[in-house]
Protein backbone atom coordinates (compact mmCIF):
# COMPACT_ATOMS: atom_id res chain seq x y z
CA THR A 1 3.74 -36.42 -69.26
CA LEU A 2 7.01 -34.63 -68.65
CA ARG A 3 9.53 -35.07 -71.46
CA VAL A 4 13.18 -35.49 -70.50
CA TYR A 5 15.93 -35.65 -73.13
CA ALA A 6 19.31 -37.03 -72.11
CA ASP A 7 20.31 -37.27 -75.73
CA PRO A 8 18.76 -34.60 -77.95
CA ALA A 9 18.76 -37.09 -80.84
CA GLN A 10 16.46 -39.53 -78.96
CA GLY A 11 13.37 -38.65 -76.95
CA VAL A 12 12.91 -40.25 -73.52
CA SER A 13 9.57 -40.13 -71.65
CA LEU A 14 9.32 -39.69 -67.90
CA THR A 15 5.86 -40.31 -66.45
CA VAL A 16 4.95 -38.62 -63.17
CA ALA A 17 2.04 -39.91 -61.07
CA ALA A 18 1.06 -40.90 -57.53
CA PRO A 19 2.88 -44.07 -56.20
CA GLU A 20 -0.29 -46.18 -56.36
CA ALA A 21 -0.45 -45.60 -60.14
CA PHE A 22 2.71 -47.74 -60.44
CA GLY A 23 1.29 -50.56 -58.28
CA PHE A 24 3.49 -49.92 -55.25
CA LEU A 25 0.55 -49.86 -52.84
CA ASP A 26 -1.68 -52.48 -54.49
CA ALA A 27 0.02 -55.66 -53.27
CA GLY A 28 -0.43 -57.07 -49.77
CA VAL A 29 2.12 -56.36 -47.08
CA GLY A 30 4.87 -59.01 -47.09
CA GLN A 31 5.84 -61.07 -44.04
CA ILE A 32 9.25 -61.00 -42.36
CA GLN A 33 10.64 -64.26 -40.96
CA ILE A 34 14.01 -64.78 -39.27
CA ASP A 35 14.64 -68.47 -38.63
CA GLY A 36 17.76 -69.27 -36.64
CA SER A 37 19.74 -66.33 -38.04
CA GLN A 38 21.59 -63.54 -36.25
CA LEU A 39 21.42 -59.89 -37.26
CA ALA A 40 23.72 -57.36 -35.60
CA VAL A 41 24.70 -53.75 -36.26
CA GLY A 42 27.56 -51.55 -35.09
CA ARG A 43 27.46 -49.41 -31.99
CA GLY A 44 24.82 -46.69 -32.00
CA GLN A 45 23.05 -48.10 -35.06
CA ALA A 46 19.51 -49.45 -35.37
CA ILE A 47 17.74 -52.53 -36.68
CA SER A 48 14.20 -51.80 -37.87
CA LEU A 49 11.97 -54.56 -39.23
CA VAL A 50 8.79 -53.05 -40.66
CA GLY A 51 6.44 -55.29 -42.61
CA GLY A 52 3.57 -57.73 -42.39
CA GLU A 53 3.61 -60.42 -39.71
CA ILE A 54 7.08 -60.60 -38.14
CA THR A 55 8.30 -63.99 -36.89
CA LEU A 56 11.56 -64.84 -35.11
CA THR A 57 12.16 -68.56 -34.48
CA SER A 58 14.74 -71.26 -33.71
CA GLY A 59 17.38 -69.19 -31.94
CA ALA A 60 17.04 -66.04 -34.06
CA ARG A 61 18.97 -63.14 -32.54
CA LEU A 62 18.91 -59.37 -33.08
CA GLN A 63 21.63 -57.26 -31.44
CA ALA A 64 22.29 -53.51 -31.44
CA GLY A 65 24.87 -52.27 -28.94
CA ASP A 66 24.17 -48.67 -27.87
CA GLY A 67 21.36 -48.70 -30.44
CA HIS A 68 17.71 -49.32 -31.12
CA ILE A 69 15.78 -52.35 -32.31
CA ASN A 70 12.32 -51.65 -33.75
CA LEU A 71 9.85 -54.35 -34.81
CA ILE A 72 6.71 -52.83 -36.38
CA GLY A 73 4.08 -55.25 -37.68
CA VAL A 74 1.78 -53.66 -40.28
CA SER A 75 -1.12 -55.13 -42.27
CA SER A 76 -2.02 -52.19 -44.51
CA GLY A 77 -0.42 -49.51 -46.60
CA GLY A 78 0.50 -46.32 -44.81
CA GLU A 79 3.49 -44.58 -43.33
CA VAL A 80 5.85 -45.62 -40.53
CA ALA A 81 8.36 -42.95 -39.54
CA LEU A 82 11.26 -44.05 -37.34
CA PRO A 83 12.87 -41.04 -35.69
CA PRO A 84 15.18 -41.92 -32.78
CA ASP A 85 12.81 -41.10 -29.90
CA SER A 86 9.31 -41.87 -31.20
CA ILE A 87 7.48 -43.86 -33.87
CA ARG A 88 4.73 -42.40 -36.06
CA ASN A 89 2.61 -45.20 -37.49
CA THR A 90 -0.48 -44.64 -39.69
CA THR A 91 -0.96 -48.31 -40.66
CA THR A 92 -3.15 -51.13 -39.34
CA ARG A 93 -1.04 -53.40 -37.16
CA ALA A 94 -0.06 -57.05 -37.75
CA ASN A 95 1.19 -59.78 -35.39
CA ILE A 96 4.73 -60.17 -34.04
CA SER A 97 5.86 -63.56 -32.73
CA LEU A 98 9.09 -64.68 -31.01
CA THR A 99 9.79 -68.35 -30.31
CA ASP A 100 13.11 -69.36 -28.71
CA SER A 101 14.67 -66.08 -29.87
CA GLU A 102 16.59 -63.14 -28.42
CA ILE A 103 16.62 -59.37 -28.85
CA ASP A 104 19.47 -57.53 -27.13
CA VAL A 105 20.44 -53.87 -26.74
CA ASN A 106 23.18 -52.84 -24.34
CA ASN A 107 25.47 -49.92 -23.77
CA LEU A 108 29.03 -50.53 -22.71
CA SER A 109 31.69 -48.96 -20.50
CA ARG A 110 31.90 -45.34 -21.75
CA SER A 111 28.60 -45.08 -23.57
CA GLU A 112 26.11 -42.27 -22.98
CA THR A 113 23.67 -43.64 -25.56
CA VAL A 114 20.23 -44.83 -24.47
CA GLY A 115 19.21 -47.97 -26.33
CA ARG A 116 15.69 -49.30 -26.78
CA ILE A 117 13.70 -52.32 -27.88
CA LEU A 118 10.35 -51.21 -29.32
CA MET A 119 7.72 -53.58 -30.68
CA GLN A 120 4.37 -52.43 -32.12
CA GLY A 121 1.83 -54.93 -33.40
CA ASP A 122 -1.72 -56.22 -33.19
CA ARG A 123 -0.75 -59.29 -31.13
CA ILE A 124 2.75 -59.66 -29.68
CA THR A 125 3.71 -63.13 -28.46
CA ALA A 126 6.98 -64.34 -26.90
CA ARG A 127 7.35 -67.99 -25.95
CA ASN A 128 9.69 -70.93 -25.33
CA GLY A 129 12.66 -69.15 -23.79
CA SER A 130 12.56 -65.94 -25.79
CA HIS A 131 14.56 -63.16 -24.17
CA LEU A 132 14.31 -59.39 -24.57
CA GLN A 133 17.16 -57.71 -22.73
CA ALA A 134 18.24 -54.10 -22.34
CA ARG A 135 21.47 -53.82 -20.37
CA ASN A 136 23.21 -50.69 -19.11
CA LYS A 137 26.88 -51.48 -18.40
CA SER A 138 28.10 -47.88 -18.59
CA ARG A 139 30.73 -46.67 -16.11
CA ILE A 140 29.40 -43.14 -16.46
CA ASP A 141 26.02 -41.80 -15.43
CA ALA A 142 24.10 -43.00 -18.49
CA VAL A 143 20.35 -43.49 -18.53
CA GLY A 144 19.30 -47.12 -18.83
CA ASN A 145 17.96 -48.89 -21.89
CA SER A 146 14.27 -49.79 -22.12
CA VAL A 147 11.94 -52.48 -23.46
CA ASP A 148 8.59 -51.20 -24.76
CA LEU A 149 5.84 -53.49 -26.14
CA GLN A 150 2.70 -51.88 -27.63
CA ALA A 151 -0.17 -54.00 -28.97
CA ASN A 152 -3.84 -54.87 -28.66
CA VAL A 153 -2.90 -58.21 -27.05
CA ILE A 154 0.42 -59.17 -25.43
CA GLU A 155 1.01 -62.87 -24.63
CA LEU A 156 4.21 -63.94 -22.85
CA THR A 157 4.87 -67.61 -22.06
CA GLY A 158 8.10 -69.06 -20.66
CA SER A 159 10.10 -65.98 -21.61
CA GLU A 160 12.18 -63.24 -19.99
CA ILE A 161 12.13 -59.46 -20.37
CA THR A 162 14.82 -57.56 -18.49
CA ALA A 163 16.20 -54.05 -18.14
CA THR A 164 19.30 -54.14 -15.94
CA VAL A 165 22.17 -51.90 -14.90
CA THR A 166 25.62 -53.14 -13.82
CA GLY A 167 27.52 -49.84 -14.03
CA ASP A 168 27.17 -46.34 -12.62
CA GLY A 169 24.14 -45.31 -14.66
CA THR A 170 20.45 -45.76 -13.98
CA GLY A 171 18.29 -48.75 -14.78
CA GLY A 172 15.93 -48.84 -17.70
CA SER A 173 12.26 -49.73 -17.87
CA VAL A 174 10.01 -52.55 -19.06
CA ARG A 175 6.64 -51.33 -20.36
CA LEU A 176 3.78 -53.49 -21.61
CA GLN A 177 0.98 -51.42 -23.13
CA ALA A 178 -2.06 -53.34 -24.42
CA ALA A 179 -5.41 -51.99 -25.59
CA ASP A 180 -7.14 -55.31 -24.81
CA ARG A 181 -5.13 -57.56 -22.48
CA VAL A 182 -1.73 -58.77 -21.25
CA ASP A 183 -1.31 -62.51 -20.51
CA VAL A 184 1.85 -63.60 -18.68
CA TYR A 185 2.59 -67.28 -17.92
CA ASN A 186 5.77 -68.63 -16.31
CA CYS A 187 7.84 -65.56 -17.25
CA MET A 188 10.44 -63.29 -15.67
CA LEU A 189 9.86 -59.55 -16.10
CA TYR A 190 12.22 -57.35 -14.15
CA THR A 191 14.40 -54.32 -13.86
CA ARG A 192 17.43 -54.82 -11.67
CA SER A 193 20.54 -53.05 -10.49
CA TYR A 194 23.79 -54.86 -9.72
CA THR A 195 26.79 -53.45 -7.89
CA ALA A 196 29.74 -53.23 -10.26
């Protein structure tokens, strides 16, 4: 026990121990649910949802212009580091589900920023008109935004994943990386360039 005295007349104790001694790592990992709500951040900022099962439903929308959107489903204690260009995840993964929801990153006329949608989970599902879109509208030679899904199982039904360019820059990429399988039913997955 380390003793700290803010007031010499009264003793105050400060206990130092590992985080688990205070119960921070004992409880289960909480779920994140966004039901019909919209979350948006300013240009160049990020939205990162890191928690137990992540569910977006009923027209939920996440938007980060010139920024990043990270959804990381975890089912155990551990560490998730979110530097701008890569994710370091030491946890066991949990499911991520989108139903009739939208995730949007785009860069606008003079932007040089590369945006990204990154989802990491055990099972990632998108259904019923869900839309993941990464748009490059820059009028300068900016690199396109990307959509990157990483899971054991990816299931896409009646949804759309796009990485498009309408300006002078380059198009982005759509990457589906599954350890087990990718199931795609009645979906649109594309990268496309349009003449401005």
